[in-house]
Amino acid sequence: MTDRYASFVQSAAGRTLVKRLGLPDPPRLRRHHPGDPLLPGPALLGAATGGRLAEPVATILTTAGVELADPTAAASTDTPQRYGALLFDATGITDSTGLRQLYDFFHPQARSVLPSGRVIVLGTPPQECPTPREATAQRALEGLVRSIGKEFGRGVTAQLVYVTGNAVTATGGSSHPAGTFTSLESTLRFLLSGRSAYVSGQVILVGAGDATAPTDWDRPLDGQVVLVTGAARGIGAALARVLARDGAQVVALDIPAAGDALAAVANDIGGTAVQLDLTASDAPTRLADHLASRHGRVDAVVHNAGITRDKTLGRMDADRWDQVIDVNLSSQERINDVLLERELIPAGGRIVSVSSIAGIAGNRGQTNYATSKAGVIGLVGSLAPALRDRGISVNAVAPGFIETRLTARIPLVVREAGRRMNSVAQGGLPVDVAETIGWLAWPASGAVSGNVVRVCGQSLLGA
């Protein structure tokens, strides 16, 4: 689906009209292409007094080929320097008076970030802080980051990454000597790159967990078997292509009625197609048998299959309710149960579920859908700690307004409101959701678990 307004804004006449009338100004977002540098310019790294993450973050950035700007030179030169990213280690802030250090760092640089640049603040999870004052100060970081995401504009995104005290050191992969790779690297690489174009205003927790660096960060899923449900169209098809591009062997699943479209996707990416109705009583067993016989395991399971059957609650028949809950939520539980019981998801495995911003904010006429998607968030919250000892991470993504054939059916006024009511004033693309899921599926992302990451351009309402 084409966003004609966004295309018009990029024209000379469109630019003039936007400035005169104060209309929404959708920026051209920087998206990922293999081989791209992480950033369009150097990064400026700052730290609060006593911060614990500046040194490992600097190592990660230089290893990733990011140029680190000299903070002293930046402050002394008369020529304004432009940055691809601003990063600040706020872990040293132990009370509210220390928050002034955030102002001192960001205030002079508020106009220095390049279009589609990145802002990342790193903190300590409030529940891990030793004193109430420190917990208070660390929680305050969320307001700063979300406000920056709404203020800086021009496609600049802002994120808060809470890092637990035991999250920094991790095992190295073949491209990293032991002790030089950290469990924070995959998250920083994702957030700094064009992969996170439509992710902003998010709070991400990085904890303890096995994280193995890939040999090639352009193919972070090499050797991985990944199952994608609902893979025939839309977000599922984009997801299958992104995962295959990143090196995965994709098992693409959808209902038999979508068999032709499913086969086309599988053939296009060199994957395999499985036609299966996930609501059938024997579906989990049949799927487990297929994975066991063909692959012997499944390294990542992506629960993308979902349906809508919209009606206001007072007019909704029981069938509409049951179908949506069964496909969007109960089928995920049944599949997880069988795959985990048969130990087909090994240590280091990943489970990623697709929720929705409707599961966070609710939506008129979608009580069944919002209930199912809120249930997916509950699934992540309950499974993540239960599977921690098995080395399996569980996360969810919650898309906002994404340009698909389903959103194309929304009435024009409502559709335009959905597109514009976020910090980047445009709808996202299926690839934006796919890139976020891909990051959560990486072997390098084992320390990221229990998160619900919104892919909504920082929606301005409801969440």
Protein backbone atom coordinates (compact mmCIF):
# COMPACT_ATOMS: atom_id res chain seq x y z
CA MET A 1 0.00 0.00 0.00
CA THR A 2 1.37 3.42 -0.99
CA ASP A 3 1.43 6.39 1.35
CA ARG A 4 0.73 9.09 -1.24
CA TYR A 5 0.92 11.91 1.27
CA ALA A 6 4.44 10.89 2.36
CA SER A 7 5.50 10.72 -1.28
CA PHE A 8 4.03 14.17 -1.96
CA VAL A 9 5.85 15.66 1.05
CA GLN A 10 9.19 14.66 -0.51
CA SER A 11 8.47 16.85 -3.56
CA ALA A 12 9.36 20.55 -3.79
CA ALA A 13 5.71 21.61 -3.76
CA GLY A 14 5.02 19.29 -0.84
CA ARG A 15 7.89 20.69 1.21
CA THR A 16 6.62 24.22 0.70
CA LEU A 17 3.06 23.33 1.69
CA VAL A 18 4.16 21.46 4.81
CA LYS A 19 6.16 24.45 6.04
CA ARG A 20 3.40 26.96 5.34
CA LEU A 21 0.56 25.00 6.93
CA GLY A 22 2.42 23.14 9.68
CA LEU A 23 1.31 19.77 8.33
CA PRO A 24 2.82 16.42 9.43
CA ASP A 25 6.27 16.01 7.90
CA PRO A 26 7.14 12.32 7.43
CA PRO A 27 10.93 11.98 7.12
CA ARG A 28 12.60 9.53 4.79
CA LEU A 29 13.66 6.77 7.17
CA ARG A 30 17.04 5.05 7.00
CA ARG A 31 16.46 1.30 6.58
CA HIS A 32 18.97 -1.52 6.55
CA HIS A 33 20.78 -2.89 3.52
CA PRO A 34 23.47 -5.55 3.88
CA GLY A 35 26.89 -3.94 3.98
CA ASP A 36 25.62 -0.60 5.31
CA PRO A 37 27.61 1.06 8.09
CA LEU A 38 25.78 1.13 11.40
CA LEU A 39 25.57 4.93 11.43
CA PRO A 40 25.61 7.82 8.95
CA GLY A 41 28.22 9.64 11.05
CA PRO A 42 30.35 9.42 14.21
CA ALA A 43 28.90 8.64 17.63
CA LEU A 44 29.28 10.83 20.68
CA LEU A 45 29.50 8.80 23.89
CA GLY A 46 28.99 10.40 27.30
CA ALA A 47 28.72 9.04 30.81
CA ALA A 48 27.54 10.09 34.24
CA THR A 49 30.12 10.09 37.00
CA GLY A 50 30.63 6.51 38.17
CA GLY A 51 28.91 4.89 35.20
CA ARG A 52 29.79 1.24 34.57
CA LEU A 53 28.99 0.83 30.87
CA ALA A 54 30.93 3.51 28.96
CA GLU A 55 34.03 1.36 28.53
CA PRO A 56 32.32 -1.80 27.22
CA VAL A 57 30.07 0.32 25.00
CA ALA A 58 33.10 2.08 23.51
CA THR A 59 34.65 -1.33 22.80
CA ILE A 60 31.48 -2.53 21.11
CA LEU A 61 31.24 0.58 18.96
CA THR A 62 34.84 0.51 17.78
CA THR A 63 34.60 -3.23 17.08
CA ALA A 64 31.52 -2.48 14.97
CA GLY A 65 33.42 0.12 12.94
CA VAL A 66 31.75 3.18 14.49
CA GLU A 67 33.86 6.30 14.74
CA LEU A 68 33.85 7.74 18.27
CA ALA A 69 33.90 11.52 18.42
CA ASP A 70 36.20 13.27 20.88
CA PRO A 71 33.92 14.91 23.52
CA THR A 72 36.58 17.53 24.30
CA ALA A 73 36.91 18.53 20.65
CA ALA A 74 33.14 18.63 20.28
CA ALA A 75 32.87 21.11 23.14
CA SER A 76 35.73 23.37 22.03
CA THR A 77 35.23 23.74 18.29
CA ASP A 78 33.35 26.67 16.76
CA THR A 79 32.17 24.47 13.87
CA PRO A 80 29.13 22.43 14.91
CA GLN A 81 29.77 18.72 14.51
CA ARG A 82 27.00 16.39 13.39
CA TYR A 83 26.60 12.95 14.88
CA GLY A 84 25.06 9.71 13.74
CA ALA A 85 24.25 8.86 17.36
CA LEU A 86 24.35 10.18 20.91
CA LEU A 87 24.86 7.56 23.60
CA PHE A 88 24.90 8.22 27.34
CA ASP A 89 25.77 5.86 30.18
CA ALA A 90 23.42 6.93 32.96
CA THR A 91 24.19 4.01 35.30
CA GLY A 92 26.20 6.31 37.56
CA ILE A 93 23.17 8.46 38.42
CA THR A 94 22.20 7.53 41.98
CA ASP A 95 19.71 10.26 42.92
CA SER A 96 17.53 12.90 41.31
CA THR A 97 20.16 15.63 41.54
CA GLY A 98 22.37 13.56 39.26
CA LEU A 99 19.81 13.84 36.48
CA ARG A 100 21.33 17.24 35.68
CA GLN A 101 24.12 15.33 33.93
CA LEU A 102 21.60 14.30 31.28
CA TYR A 103 20.74 17.92 30.57
CA ASP A 104 24.40 18.88 30.44
CA PHE A 105 25.09 16.19 27.82
CA PHE A 106 22.00 16.40 25.60
CA HIS A 107 21.17 20.12 25.71
CA PRO A 108 24.19 21.28 23.66
CA GLN A 109 23.71 18.43 21.18
CA ALA A 110 19.95 18.57 20.65
CA ARG A 111 20.37 19.88 17.08
CA SER A 112 23.53 17.98 16.23
CA VAL A 113 22.04 14.56 15.39
CA LEU A 114 21.94 13.70 11.70
CA PRO A 115 18.65 12.70 10.03
CA SER A 116 17.73 9.12 10.97
CA GLY A 117 20.31 9.32 13.74
CA ARG A 118 20.02 7.49 17.03
CA VAL A 119 19.84 8.38 20.72
CA ILE A 120 20.47 5.63 23.28
CA VAL A 121 20.51 6.02 27.06
CA LEU A 122 21.81 3.14 29.16
CA GLY A 123 20.63 2.64 32.73
CA THR A 124 20.23 0.18 35.58
CA PRO A 125 16.85 -1.56 36.01
CA PRO A 126 15.12 0.27 38.89
CA GLN A 127 14.26 -3.01 40.62
CA GLU A 128 17.98 -3.78 40.78
CA CYS A 129 19.00 -0.48 42.40
CA PRO A 130 20.24 -0.69 46.01
CA THR A 131 18.40 2.43 47.23
CA PRO A 132 14.99 4.03 46.58
CA ARG A 133 16.68 7.26 45.47
CA GLU A 134 18.70 5.48 42.80
CA ALA A 135 15.65 3.53 41.63
CA THR A 136 13.74 6.80 41.36
CA ALA A 137 16.45 8.43 39.27
CA GLN A 138 16.78 5.43 36.96
CA ARG A 139 13.02 5.31 36.38
CA ALA A 140 13.13 9.00 35.43
CA LEU A 141 15.20 8.06 32.38
CA GLU A 142 12.08 6.78 30.64
CA GLY A 143 10.52 10.24 30.52
CA LEU A 144 13.68 11.75 29.06
CA VAL A 145 14.04 9.16 26.32
CA ARG A 146 10.41 9.19 25.24
CA SER A 147 10.41 12.98 25.09
CA ILE A 148 13.60 13.06 23.01
CA GLY A 149 11.95 10.62 20.60
CA LYS A 150 9.15 13.13 20.10
CA GLU A 151 11.33 16.26 19.97
CA PHE A 152 14.34 15.57 17.78
CA GLY A 153 12.40 14.72 14.60
CA ARG A 154 13.89 13.98 11.14
CA GLY A 155 13.69 10.23 11.69
CA VAL A 156 15.84 10.31 14.84
CA THR A 157 14.88 7.52 17.25
CA ALA A 158 15.48 7.33 21.00
CA GLN A 159 15.67 4.24 23.22
CA LEU A 160 16.39 3.38 26.84
CA VAL A 161 18.35 0.18 27.48
CA TYR A 162 18.32 -1.09 31.04
CA VAL A 163 21.33 -3.34 31.61
CA THR A 164 21.49 -5.64 34.62
CA GLY A 165 24.67 -5.90 36.62
CA ASN A 166 25.48 -9.39 35.32
CA ALA A 167 24.77 -8.66 31.65
CA VAL A 168 28.03 -7.27 30.37
CA THR A 169 30.41 -10.20 30.13
CA ALA A 170 29.50 -13.01 27.75
CA THR A 171 31.22 -15.65 25.65
CA GLY A 172 32.84 -14.61 22.41
CA GLY A 173 32.14 -16.03 18.99
CA SER A 174 34.64 -16.84 16.27
CA SER A 175 35.00 -13.15 15.39
CA HIS A 176 35.54 -12.06 19.00
CA PRO A 177 38.33 -13.15 21.34
CA ALA A 178 37.04 -14.42 24.68
CA GLY A 179 36.08 -11.54 26.96
CA THR A 180 35.74 -8.88 24.26
CA PHE A 181 32.16 -9.61 23.21
CA THR A 182 29.34 -8.54 25.48
CA SER A 183 25.70 -9.50 25.69
CA LEU A 184 24.83 -5.87 24.96
CA GLU A 185 26.31 -5.88 21.46
CA SER A 186 23.39 -7.32 19.50
CA THR A 187 21.02 -4.77 21.02
CA LEU A 188 23.30 -1.83 20.28
CA ARG A 189 23.90 -3.02 16.73
CA PHE A 190 20.17 -3.34 16.13
CA LEU A 191 19.22 0.00 17.67
CA LEU A 192 21.98 1.94 15.90
CA SER A 193 21.37 0.39 12.48
CA GLY A 194 18.67 0.97 9.90
CA ARG A 195 17.00 -2.23 11.10
CA SER A 196 15.33 -0.22 13.88
CA ALA A 197 13.93 2.53 11.62
CA TYR A 198 10.38 2.29 13.00
CA VAL A 199 11.29 1.49 16.62
CA SER A 200 11.43 4.48 18.96
CA GLY A 201 10.64 5.40 22.56
CA GLN A 202 11.23 1.85 23.72
CA VAL A 203 12.56 0.48 27.00
CA ILE A 204 14.58 -2.69 26.52
CA LEU A 205 15.97 -4.91 29.25
CA VAL A 206 19.28 -6.70 28.69
CA GLY A 207 19.98 -9.29 31.37
CA ALA A 208 22.06 -12.38 31.86
CA GLY A 209 22.05 -14.96 29.08
CA ASP A 210 24.21 -16.79 26.60
CA ALA A 211 25.15 -14.63 23.64
CA THR A 212 27.30 -15.87 20.78
CA ALA A 213 28.64 -13.40 18.24
CA PRO A 214 28.20 -14.39 14.60
CA THR A 215 31.11 -14.75 12.24
CA ASP A 216 29.43 -12.20 9.98
CA TRP A 217 27.05 -9.60 11.42
CA ASP A 218 25.38 -9.33 8.00
CA ARG A 219 24.38 -12.98 8.41
CA PRO A 220 23.63 -13.26 12.14
CA LEU A 221 21.37 -16.31 11.66
CA ASP A 222 23.76 -18.54 9.72
CA GLY A 223 23.06 -22.21 10.45
CA GLN A 224 19.82 -21.50 12.33
CA VAL A 225 16.53 -23.29 11.66
CA VAL A 226 13.67 -20.81 12.10
CA LEU A 227 9.94 -21.55 11.98
CA VAL A 228 7.64 -18.73 10.84
CA THR A 229 3.88 -19.19 11.11
CA GLY A 230 1.56 -17.16 8.91
CA ALA A 231 4.35 -16.83 6.34
CA ALA A 232 2.36 -16.62 3.11
CA ARG A 233 1.65 -12.90 3.06
CA GLY A 234 2.26 -9.51 4.62
CA ILE A 235 4.46 -9.37 7.69
CA GLY A 236 5.01 -13.15 7.61
CA ALA A 237 6.34 -13.12 4.05
CA ALA A 238 8.59 -10.13 4.80
CA LEU A 239 9.80 -11.93 7.90
CA ALA A 240 10.66 -15.10 5.99
CA ARG A 241 12.69 -13.04 3.50
CA VAL A 242 14.57 -11.08 6.18
CA LEU A 243 15.44 -14.22 8.14
CA ALA A 244 16.65 -15.98 4.99
CA ARG A 245 18.69 -12.92 4.02
CA ASP A 246 20.31 -13.11 7.46
CA GLY A 247 21.29 -16.74 6.88
CA ALA A 248 18.46 -18.76 8.41
CA GLN A 249 16.96 -21.93 7.00
CA VAL A 250 13.31 -20.91 7.12
CA VAL A 251 10.41 -23.27 7.66
CA ALA A 252 7.44 -21.28 6.36
CA LEU A 253 4.02 -22.35 7.65
CA ASP A 254 0.52 -21.27 6.72
CA ILE A 255 -2.96 -22.70 6.20
CA PRO A 256 -3.63 -24.96 3.17
CA ALA A 257 -5.85 -22.29 1.57
CA ALA A 258 -2.74 -20.08 1.26
CA GLY A 259 -0.69 -22.91 -0.24
CA ASP A 260 0.21 -21.23 -3.55
CA ALA A 261 1.35 -17.99 -1.92
CA LEU A 262 3.22 -19.96 0.73
CA ALA A 263 5.05 -22.04 -1.86
CA ALA A 264 6.04 -18.89 -3.75
CA VAL A 265 7.58 -17.40 -0.60
CA ALA A 266 9.39 -20.63 0.31
CA ASN A 267 10.75 -21.07 -3.22
CA ASP A 268 11.88 -17.45 -3.36
CA ILE A 269 14.00 -17.77 -0.21
CA GLY A 270 15.15 -21.37 -0.58
CA GLY A 271 13.12 -22.46 2.45
CA THR A 272 10.56 -25.18 3.01
CA ALA A 273 6.78 -24.83 3.10
CA VAL A 274 4.43 -26.51 5.59
CA GLN A 275 0.69 -26.33 5.01
CA LEU A 276 -1.04 -26.73 8.36
CA ASP A 277 -4.10 -25.39 10.15
CA LEU A 278 -2.76 -24.52 13.60
CA THR A 279 -6.21 -24.84 15.16
CA ALA A 280 -6.44 -28.56 14.27
CA SER A 281 -6.23 -30.81 17.31
CA ASP A 282 -3.23 -32.71 15.94
CA ALA A 283 -1.41 -29.64 14.55
CA PRO A 284 1.23 -29.33 17.31
CA THR A 285 2.15 -33.00 17.04
CA ARG A 286 2.28 -32.95 13.26
CA LEU A 287 4.45 -29.83 13.31
CA ALA A 288 6.79 -31.32 15.90
CA ASP A 289 7.10 -34.53 13.87
CA HIS A 290 7.97 -32.53 10.75
CA LEU A 291 10.63 -30.47 12.50
CA ALA A 292 12.12 -33.52 14.18
CA SER A 293 12.31 -35.60 11.00
CA ARG A 294 13.51 -32.85 8.66
CA HIS A 295 15.78 -30.78 10.93
CA GLY A 296 16.13 -32.48 14.29
CA ARG A 297 15.44 -29.17 16.05
CA VAL A 298 14.14 -25.63 15.61
CA ASP A 299 16.40 -22.83 16.83
CA ALA A 300 13.79 -20.10 16.74
CA VAL A 301 10.00 -20.18 16.66
CA VAL A 302 8.22 -17.06 15.42
CA HIS A 303 4.50 -17.03 16.19
CA ASN A 304 3.26 -14.63 13.54
CA ALA A 305 -0.03 -16.27 12.46
CA GLY A 306 -3.02 -14.17 13.40
CA ILE A 307 -6.52 -13.21 12.32
CA THR A 308 -9.06 -10.47 12.97
CA ARG A 309 -12.83 -10.89 13.27
CA ASP A 310 -13.89 -7.36 14.18
CA LYS A 311 -17.18 -6.39 15.82
CA THR A 312 -18.03 -4.38 18.89
CA LEU A 313 -18.44 -6.69 21.88
CA GLY A 314 -22.21 -6.25 22.06
CA ARG A 315 -22.58 -7.39 18.43
CA MET A 316 -19.90 -10.07 18.40
CA ASP A 317 -21.01 -13.70 18.13
CA ALA A 318 -19.20 -16.39 20.11
CA ASP A 319 -17.65 -17.84 16.95
CA ARG A 320 -15.73 -14.63 16.22
CA TRP A 321 -14.44 -14.55 19.78
CA ASP A 322 -13.36 -18.20 19.81
CA GLN A 323 -11.61 -18.11 16.42
CA VAL A 324 -9.44 -15.11 17.27
CA ILE A 325 -8.43 -16.37 20.71
CA ASP A 326 -7.64 -19.83 19.30
CA VAL A 327 -5.49 -18.69 16.37
CA ASN A 328 -3.78 -15.70 17.97
CA LEU A 329 -3.08 -17.09 21.44
CA SER A 330 -4.12 -20.65 22.28
CA SER A 331 -2.37 -22.16 19.25
CA GLN A 332 0.89 -20.55 20.38
CA GLU A 333 0.54 -22.13 23.81
CA ARG A 334 -0.17 -25.57 22.36
CA ILE A 335 2.78 -25.43 19.94
CA ASN A 336 5.16 -24.18 22.63
CA ASP A 337 4.07 -26.95 24.98
CA VAL A 338 4.79 -29.74 22.49
CA LEU A 339 8.06 -28.32 21.14
CA LEU A 340 9.39 -27.71 24.65
CA GLU A 341 8.21 -31.06 25.98
CA ARG A 342 9.97 -32.87 23.14
CA GLU A 343 13.05 -30.64 23.59
CA LEU A 344 13.02 -29.61 19.95
CA ILE A 345 13.92 -26.04 20.97
CA PRO A 346 17.51 -26.43 22.22
CA ALA A 347 19.46 -24.37 24.71
CA GLY A 348 20.09 -21.03 23.03
CA GLY A 349 16.70 -21.23 21.33
CA ARG A 350 14.38 -18.31 20.75
CA ILE A 351 10.61 -17.87 20.92
CA VAL A 352 9.26 -14.63 19.44
CA SER A 353 5.55 -13.85 19.38
CA VAL A 354 3.74 -11.13 17.50
CA SER A 355 1.47 -9.09 19.75
CA SER A 356 -0.01 -5.71 18.79
CA ILE A 357 -0.31 -2.21 20.12
CA ALA A 358 -4.00 -3.11 20.43
CA GLY A 359 -2.98 -5.54 23.16
CA ILE A 360 -1.48 -2.61 25.08
CA ALA A 361 -3.95 0.19 24.39
CA GLY A 362 -7.11 -1.69 23.34
CA ASN A 363 -9.10 -0.85 20.24
CA ARG A 364 -12.77 -0.22 19.60
CA GLY A 365 -14.38 -3.11 17.76
CA GLN A 366 -11.48 -5.45 18.54
CA THR A 367 -12.11 -6.78 22.03
CA ASN A 368 -11.34 -10.31 20.86
CA TYR A 369 -8.17 -9.27 19.04
CA ALA A 370 -6.92 -6.98 21.83
CA THR A 371 -7.57 -9.72 24.39
CA SER A 372 -5.58 -12.24 22.38
CA LYS A 373 -2.67 -9.84 21.83
CA ALA A 374 -2.59 -8.83 25.51
CA GLY A 375 -2.51 -12.55 26.24
CA VAL A 376 0.60 -12.84 24.06
CA ILE A 377 2.25 -10.25 26.29
CA GLY A 378 1.25 -12.36 29.28
CA LEU A 379 2.71 -15.42 27.61
CA VAL A 380 6.07 -13.67 27.29
CA GLY A 381 5.99 -12.49 30.88
CA SER A 382 5.27 -15.95 32.23
CA LEU A 383 7.46 -18.06 29.94
CA ALA A 384 10.63 -15.94 29.99
CA PRO A 385 11.56 -16.64 33.64
CA ALA A 386 10.37 -20.25 33.37
CA LEU A 387 12.71 -20.95 30.44
CA ARG A 388 15.70 -18.94 31.67
CA ASP A 389 17.47 -21.98 33.12
CA ARG A 390 17.06 -23.80 29.80
CA GLY A 391 18.81 -20.94 27.97
CA ILE A 392 15.74 -20.14 25.87
CA SER A 393 14.70 -16.52 25.42
CA VAL A 394 11.10 -15.39 24.94
CA ASN A 395 10.11 -11.97 23.59
CA ALA A 396 7.33 -10.27 21.66
CA VAL A 397 6.96 -7.45 19.18
CA ALA A 398 3.89 -5.23 19.17
CA PRO A 399 3.36 -3.60 15.75
CA GLY A 400 1.46 -0.35 15.42
CA PHE A 401 0.18 0.93 12.07
CA ILE A 402 1.92 -1.18 9.43
CA GLU A 403 1.22 -0.75 5.70
CA THR A 404 -0.40 -4.08 4.72
CA ARG A 405 -3.41 -5.25 2.73
CA LEU A 406 -5.37 -5.29 6.02
CA THR A 407 -4.68 -1.65 6.88
CA ALA A 408 -5.51 -0.74 3.27
CA ARG A 409 -9.12 -1.67 4.05
CA ILE A 410 -9.39 0.82 6.92
CA PRO A 411 -11.54 3.90 6.11
CA LEU A 412 -9.46 6.78 4.75
CA VAL A 413 -9.75 9.18 7.71
CA VAL A 414 -8.97 6.50 10.27
CA ARG A 415 -6.12 5.21 8.11
CA GLU A 416 -4.55 8.66 7.83
CA ALA A 417 -4.83 9.19 11.59
CA GLY A 418 -3.11 5.84 12.18
CA ARG A 419 -0.29 6.81 9.86
CA ARG A 420 0.35 10.27 11.28
CA MET A 421 -0.17 9.80 15.03
CA ASN A 422 3.37 8.75 15.81
CA SER A 423 6.74 10.43 16.13
CA VAL A 424 7.76 9.76 12.52
CA ALA A 425 4.35 10.71 11.04
CA GLN A 426 4.03 7.64 8.81
CA GLY A 427 3.04 4.01 8.80
CA GLY A 428 5.65 1.33 9.18
CA LEU A 429 6.49 -1.35 6.63
CA PRO A 430 6.30 -5.14 7.12
CA VAL A 431 10.09 -5.21 6.92
CA ASP A 432 10.27 -3.03 10.06
CA VAL A 433 8.50 -5.70 12.08
CA ALA A 434 10.59 -8.40 10.42
CA GLU A 435 13.89 -6.70 11.27
CA THR A 436 12.89 -6.42 14.93
CA ILE A 437 11.88 -10.07 15.13
CA GLY A 438 15.10 -11.02 13.38
CA TRP A 439 17.16 -9.24 16.07
CA LEU A 440 15.31 -11.08 18.84
CA ALA A 441 15.94 -14.39 17.04
CA TRP A 442 19.71 -13.90 16.72
CA PRO A 443 21.96 -16.26 18.74
CA ALA A 444 23.71 -13.06 19.83
CA SER A 445 20.51 -11.85 21.56
CA GLY A 446 20.34 -14.46 24.29
CA ALA A 447 20.51 -11.81 27.03
CA VAL A 448 17.33 -10.15 25.72
CA SER A 449 14.33 -11.95 27.20
CA GLY A 450 10.94 -11.00 28.60
CA ASN A 451 10.66 -7.88 26.43
CA VAL A 452 7.73 -6.52 24.47
CA VAL A 453 9.13 -4.17 21.84
CA ARG A 454 6.69 -1.88 20.06
CA VAL A 455 7.27 -1.34 16.35
CA CYS A 456 5.03 1.68 16.04
CA GLY A 457 7.18 4.73 15.27
CA GLN A 458 6.50 5.76 18.89
CA SER A 459 2.74 5.93 18.77
CA LEU A 460 1.48 9.15 20.35
CA LEU A 461 -1.76 7.73 21.75
CA GLY A 462 -2.60 4.86 24.05
CA ALA A 463 0.85 3.45 24.71
